[in-house]
Amino acid sequence: MLARTPADNAIFAGNRALGRLALSVGSDQGRSRRRRVHEEGSLRVRFPNGASAETLDAVIVNTAGGMTGGDRFHIDVLVDRGARLTVTTAAAEKVYRSLGPDTEVGIKIDVGAGGELAWLPQETILFDQARLRRSIEVDLDRNAGLLLAEPIVFGRSAMDETVLNGRVFDRWRVRVGGALVFAESLRLGGAVAARLAQRAVTGGGVAVASILKIPGDESDAVAVRAIEKDFIGDVGVSAWNGLAVVRLVAADGAALRRDLIGVLTALSSVQLPRLWLN
């Protein structure tokens, strides 16, 4: 393969997708309403239930039709005092093969006193040789609530796809009242399929998810364990210091989604987005 020239690099950079979305939601007489919406590039947001509900539903749309190396996306969400917001995506997000640079996704979330956010995007599907770098930063008031779920699928099993190589770096930082309460970084690179096959990683599973609930306690763990006989894949739950965390591993995306719906229903009274149930 011939090396790219500076002119080639300029053309490549000019064809990269860029997107920025800023959304703020406030409470007005017991109903949650959008206050500010700013859209740039390929990111859009739609509100299927308008301003007629106690909880506002927001659906993020990526008009680029997927992500690939060199694409950059930034999402900022502010849930003001007493407001309630549920965020999902219009479809599973696909991250395609990269020729070198990472796909970069930055998510910033702020939830004020008495506010509640359910962050429930559909799956992120990685293709072979995808390179994803994602950062999720959350700042919660001491009296705010958060339900955050992020599923990742390594290749579409129904299409006989395998992610042999690639790279994922996923960084989460969550603060309550300014204090760091949850921090983790997932780094998976190189021979991805071989790593996933290891028993200490996923034991061959290609679909994984993490769910974080704040506030959370042992009653949340008990609720998840009560339905463990219904799980298709492996599900583990822990609760400590005012939060609950659930980890899921499944053989494919369909099994993961079924388990996710069960866990999210057990953890919260929040109605799942209709797009999750189609």
Protein backbone atom coordinates (compact mmCIF):
# COMPACT_ATOMS: atom_id res chain seq x y z
CA MET A 1 0.00 0.00 0.00
CA LEU A 2 1.36 3.43 -0.97
CA ALA A 3 1.87 5.99 1.78
CA ARG A 4 -0.61 8.88 1.77
CA THR A 5 0.72 12.26 0.70
CA PRO A 6 -0.07 15.55 2.56
CA ALA A 7 -2.68 16.24 -0.11
CA ASP A 8 -4.25 12.83 0.51
CA ASN A 9 -4.31 13.57 4.25
CA ALA A 10 -6.04 16.90 3.63
CA ILE A 11 -8.71 15.21 1.51
CA PHE A 12 -9.13 12.51 4.15
CA ALA A 13 -9.52 15.11 6.93
CA GLY A 14 -12.02 17.07 4.85
CA ASN A 15 -14.27 14.05 4.61
CA ARG A 16 -14.37 13.32 8.33
CA ALA A 17 -17.67 13.72 10.16
CA LEU A 18 -17.85 16.28 12.95
CA GLY A 19 -20.78 16.71 15.28
CA ARG A 20 -21.63 18.73 18.35
CA LEU A 21 -24.83 18.69 20.34
CA ALA A 22 -25.69 20.80 23.40
CA LEU A 23 -29.02 20.27 25.16
CA SER A 24 -30.37 21.82 28.34
CA VAL A 25 -33.65 20.84 30.00
CA GLY A 26 -35.56 22.63 32.76
CA SER A 27 -38.69 22.06 34.82
CA ASP A 28 -41.79 24.19 34.30
CA GLN A 29 -44.86 23.55 36.48
CA GLY A 30 -43.96 19.89 36.93
CA ARG A 31 -43.18 19.27 33.27
CA SER A 32 -39.72 18.93 31.75
CA ARG A 33 -39.06 21.20 28.79
CA ARG A 34 -36.10 21.88 26.54
CA ARG A 35 -34.50 25.23 27.18
CA ARG A 36 -31.63 25.23 24.72
CA VAL A 37 -30.75 23.04 21.78
CA HIS A 38 -27.59 23.59 19.75
CA GLU A 39 -26.73 21.31 16.83
CA GLU A 40 -23.62 21.29 14.67
CA GLY A 41 -22.45 18.94 11.94
CA SER A 42 -24.10 15.56 11.74
CA LEU A 43 -25.65 15.39 15.23
CA ARG A 44 -29.36 16.11 15.68
CA VAL A 45 -31.81 15.60 18.53
CA ARG A 46 -35.56 15.01 18.34
CA PHE A 47 -38.24 15.02 21.05
CA PRO A 48 -40.99 12.47 20.35
CA ASN A 49 -43.12 13.43 23.37
CA GLY A 50 -42.65 17.20 23.03
CA ALA A 51 -43.18 19.11 26.25
CA SER A 52 -46.29 17.32 27.43
CA ALA A 53 -44.72 14.90 29.89
CA GLU A 54 -43.13 14.95 33.31
CA THR A 55 -40.11 13.25 31.73
CA LEU A 56 -38.83 14.62 28.42
CA ASP A 57 -37.63 12.06 25.86
CA ALA A 58 -34.70 12.97 23.60
CA VAL A 59 -33.53 10.89 20.63
CA ILE A 60 -30.05 11.58 19.23
CA VAL A 61 -29.62 11.11 15.48
CA ASN A 62 -26.28 10.86 13.68
CA THR A 63 -26.96 11.83 10.07
CA ALA A 64 -23.44 10.72 9.09
CA GLY A 65 -24.71 7.13 9.08
CA GLY A 66 -22.00 5.84 11.39
CA MET A 67 -18.53 6.75 12.63
CA THR A 68 -15.02 6.00 11.45
CA GLY A 69 -11.43 7.01 12.09
CA GLY A 70 -10.91 10.75 12.39
CA ASP A 71 -14.57 11.52 13.16
CA ARG A 72 -15.17 13.63 16.26
CA PHE A 73 -18.40 13.98 18.21
CA HIS A 74 -19.20 15.98 21.36
CA ILE A 75 -22.44 15.84 23.36
CA ASP A 76 -23.25 18.14 26.30
CA VAL A 77 -26.40 17.53 28.35
CA LEU A 78 -27.63 19.73 31.20
CA VAL A 79 -30.61 18.66 33.30
CA ASP A 80 -31.56 21.58 35.51
CA ARG A 81 -33.16 21.57 38.97
CA GLY A 82 -36.18 19.26 39.17
CA ALA A 83 -36.17 18.28 35.47
CA ARG A 84 -36.30 14.72 34.17
CA LEU A 85 -34.79 13.56 30.89
CA THR A 86 -34.43 10.23 29.08
CA VAL A 87 -31.87 10.11 26.25
CA THR A 88 -31.54 7.37 23.65
CA THR A 89 -30.34 7.05 20.06
CA ALA A 90 -32.37 6.53 16.90
CA ALA A 91 -30.44 3.36 16.07
CA ALA A 92 -27.42 1.35 17.07
CA GLU A 93 -24.29 3.42 16.40
CA LYS A 94 -21.79 1.77 14.06
CA VAL A 95 -18.05 2.41 14.31
CA TYR A 96 -16.35 1.33 11.09
CA ARG A 97 -12.80 0.35 10.17
CA SER A 98 -10.18 3.05 10.60
CA LEU A 99 -7.14 3.67 8.44
CA GLY A 100 -5.26 4.97 11.49
CA PRO A 101 -6.85 7.74 13.55
CA ASP A 102 -9.32 7.14 16.36
CA THR A 103 -13.02 7.88 16.33
CA GLU A 104 -13.41 10.34 19.21
CA VAL A 105 -16.60 10.73 21.26
CA GLY A 106 -16.85 13.11 24.22
CA ILE A 107 -19.94 13.13 26.45
CA LYS A 108 -20.47 15.69 29.23
CA ILE A 109 -23.46 15.39 31.57
CA ASP A 110 -24.59 17.75 34.35
CA VAL A 111 -27.65 17.07 36.53
CA GLY A 112 -28.90 19.64 39.04
CA ALA A 113 -30.65 19.25 42.39
CA GLY A 114 -33.74 17.06 42.13
CA GLY A 115 -33.01 16.36 38.47
CA GLU A 116 -32.99 12.89 36.95
CA LEU A 117 -31.31 11.59 33.81
CA ALA A 118 -31.68 8.19 32.17
CA TRP A 119 -28.88 7.85 29.58
CA LEU A 120 -29.94 4.82 27.51
CA PRO A 121 -28.36 4.80 24.03
CA GLN A 122 -28.78 1.77 21.83
CA GLU A 123 -25.76 -0.43 21.16
CA THR A 124 -22.43 0.78 19.83
CA ILE A 125 -21.41 -1.79 17.21
CA LEU A 126 -17.71 -2.06 16.41
CA PHE A 127 -16.47 -3.39 13.08
CA ASP A 128 -13.14 -5.08 12.48
CA GLN A 129 -10.21 -2.64 12.83
CA ALA A 130 -12.39 0.03 14.42
CA ARG A 131 -10.62 2.46 16.76
CA LEU A 132 -12.85 4.14 19.34
CA ARG A 133 -11.82 6.61 22.04
CA ARG A 134 -14.72 7.72 24.25
CA SER A 135 -14.92 9.85 27.38
CA ILE A 136 -17.99 10.17 29.62
CA GLU A 137 -17.86 12.91 32.28
CA VAL A 138 -20.77 13.21 34.71
CA ASP A 139 -21.38 15.83 37.40
CA LEU A 140 -24.36 15.25 39.70
CA ASP A 141 -25.82 17.35 42.47
CA ARG A 142 -26.03 15.46 45.77
CA ASN A 143 -29.80 15.21 45.28
CA ALA A 144 -29.74 14.22 41.61
CA GLY A 145 -30.42 10.82 40.05
CA LEU A 146 -28.66 8.98 37.25
CA LEU A 147 -29.28 5.77 35.32
CA LEU A 148 -26.54 5.26 32.73
CA ALA A 149 -26.23 2.25 30.41
CA GLU A 150 -23.70 1.76 27.62
CA PRO A 151 -23.76 -1.46 25.54
CA ILE A 152 -20.96 -2.40 23.12
CA VAL A 153 -21.15 -5.18 20.51
CA PHE A 154 -18.01 -6.47 18.79
CA GLY A 155 -19.29 -7.35 15.32
CA ARG A 156 -22.72 -8.43 14.13
CA SER A 157 -23.01 -12.14 14.81
CA ALA A 158 -26.02 -12.49 12.49
CA MET A 159 -23.78 -11.29 9.65
CA ASP A 160 -20.92 -13.63 10.65
CA GLU A 161 -18.73 -10.63 11.46
CA THR A 162 -15.73 -10.96 13.76
CA VAL A 163 -13.67 -8.14 15.21
CA LEU A 164 -10.20 -9.65 14.88
CA ASN A 165 -8.29 -6.44 15.57
CA GLY A 166 -9.06 -2.95 16.74
CA ARG A 167 -8.87 -0.64 19.72
CA VAL A 168 -11.31 0.64 22.35
CA PHE A 169 -10.56 3.12 25.09
CA ASP A 170 -13.59 4.02 27.21
CA ARG A 171 -13.13 6.41 30.14
CA TRP A 172 -15.87 7.13 32.74
CA ARG A 173 -15.62 9.72 35.50
CA VAL A 174 -18.63 10.44 37.74
CA ARG A 175 -18.74 13.09 40.45
CA VAL A 176 -21.44 13.76 43.05
CA GLY A 177 -21.34 17.16 44.73
CA GLY A 178 -17.90 17.70 43.19
CA ALA A 179 -16.44 14.51 44.71
CA LEU A 180 -15.27 11.68 42.46
CA VAL A 181 -17.40 8.60 43.26
CA PHE A 182 -16.86 6.37 40.22
CA ALA A 183 -13.90 6.12 37.87
CA GLU A 184 -12.93 3.42 35.42
CA SER A 185 -11.15 3.05 32.11
CA LEU A 186 -11.61 0.17 29.68
CA ARG A 187 -8.72 -0.43 27.30
CA LEU A 188 -8.87 -3.22 24.77
CA GLY A 189 -6.57 -3.30 21.78
CA GLY A 190 -4.64 -5.38 19.31
CA ALA A 191 -5.97 -8.89 18.79
CA VAL A 192 -9.48 -8.16 20.07
CA ALA A 193 -11.04 -11.55 19.25
CA ALA A 194 -8.23 -13.37 21.05
CA ARG A 195 -8.62 -11.11 24.09
CA LEU A 196 -12.39 -11.60 24.22
CA ALA A 197 -11.92 -15.36 24.07
CA GLN A 198 -9.99 -15.30 27.35
CA ARG A 199 -11.98 -16.47 30.34
CA ALA A 200 -10.90 -13.49 32.43
CA VAL A 201 -12.23 -11.08 29.79
CA THR A 202 -15.57 -12.27 28.34
CA GLY A 203 -15.02 -16.00 27.79
CA GLY A 204 -15.90 -15.64 24.12
CA GLY A 205 -18.82 -13.25 24.52
CA VAL A 206 -18.91 -10.43 21.97
CA ALA A 207 -21.56 -8.19 23.57
CA VAL A 208 -20.95 -6.32 26.83
CA ALA A 209 -22.61 -3.55 28.82
CA SER A 210 -22.20 -1.57 32.00
CA ILE A 211 -25.03 0.07 33.94
CA LEU A 212 -24.53 2.64 36.68
CA LYS A 213 -27.31 3.80 39.01
CA ILE A 214 -26.97 6.72 41.45
CA PRO A 215 -28.34 6.69 44.06
CA GLY A 216 -28.18 2.92 44.32
CA ASP A 217 -28.08 0.43 47.16
CA GLU A 218 -28.35 -3.24 48.04
CA SER A 219 -32.07 -3.28 47.21
CA ASP A 220 -31.10 -2.67 43.56
CA ALA A 221 -28.71 -5.63 43.67
CA VAL A 222 -31.45 -7.79 45.19
CA ALA A 223 -33.89 -6.73 42.43
CA VAL A 224 -31.42 -7.78 39.71
CA ARG A 225 -30.56 -11.08 41.37
CA ALA A 226 -34.26 -11.87 41.69
CA ILE A 227 -34.54 -12.25 37.89
CA GLU A 228 -31.22 -14.01 37.27
CA LYS A 229 -32.99 -17.16 36.09
CA ASP A 230 -34.27 -15.19 33.10
CA PHE A 231 -30.85 -14.03 31.88
CA ILE A 232 -29.38 -15.47 28.69
CA GLY A 233 -25.86 -14.22 29.30
CA ASP A 234 -23.79 -13.51 32.40
CA VAL A 235 -24.89 -10.69 34.70
CA GLY A 236 -23.16 -9.45 37.85
CA VAL A 237 -24.29 -6.67 40.20
CA SER A 238 -22.72 -4.83 43.13
CA ALA A 239 -23.79 -1.93 45.35
CA TRP A 240 -21.61 0.24 47.57
CA ASN A 241 -21.28 3.83 48.79
CA GLY A 242 -24.58 4.97 47.34
CA LEU A 243 -24.29 3.50 43.85
CA ALA A 244 -25.12 0.26 42.05
CA VAL A 245 -23.20 -1.19 39.09
CA VAL A 246 -24.28 -4.02 36.77
CA ARG A 247 -22.01 -5.77 34.25
CA LEU A 248 -23.41 -7.85 31.40
CA VAL A 249 -21.75 -10.23 28.94
CA ALA A 250 -23.60 -12.10 26.20
CA ALA A 251 -22.89 -14.19 23.13
CA ASP A 252 -24.45 -11.65 20.77
CA GLY A 253 -26.25 -8.33 20.62
CA ALA A 254 -29.76 -9.79 20.70
CA ALA A 255 -29.09 -11.69 23.91
CA LEU A 256 -27.48 -8.62 25.44
CA ARG A 257 -30.47 -6.42 24.65
CA ARG A 258 -32.89 -8.88 26.19
CA ASP A 259 -30.86 -9.01 29.39
CA LEU A 260 -30.44 -5.23 29.41
CA ILE A 261 -34.17 -4.66 29.19
CA GLY A 262 -34.70 -6.99 32.14
CA VAL A 263 -32.05 -5.30 34.28
CA LEU A 264 -33.15 -1.75 33.46
CA THR A 265 -36.76 -2.61 34.22
CA ALA A 266 -35.74 -4.09 37.57
CA LEU A 267 -33.57 -1.09 38.49
CA SER A 268 -35.88 1.77 37.65
CA SER A 269 -39.43 2.95 37.17
CA VAL A 270 -38.25 4.93 34.14
CA GLN A 271 -40.14 3.83 31.03
CA LEU A 272 -37.77 2.43 28.45
CA PRO A 273 -37.64 4.33 25.14
CA ARG A 274 -39.98 2.86 22.55
CA LEU A 275 -37.06 2.46 20.16
CA TRP A 276 -35.57 -0.11 22.56
CA LEU A 277 -38.68 -2.25 22.29
CA ASN A 278 -39.19 -2.22 18.51
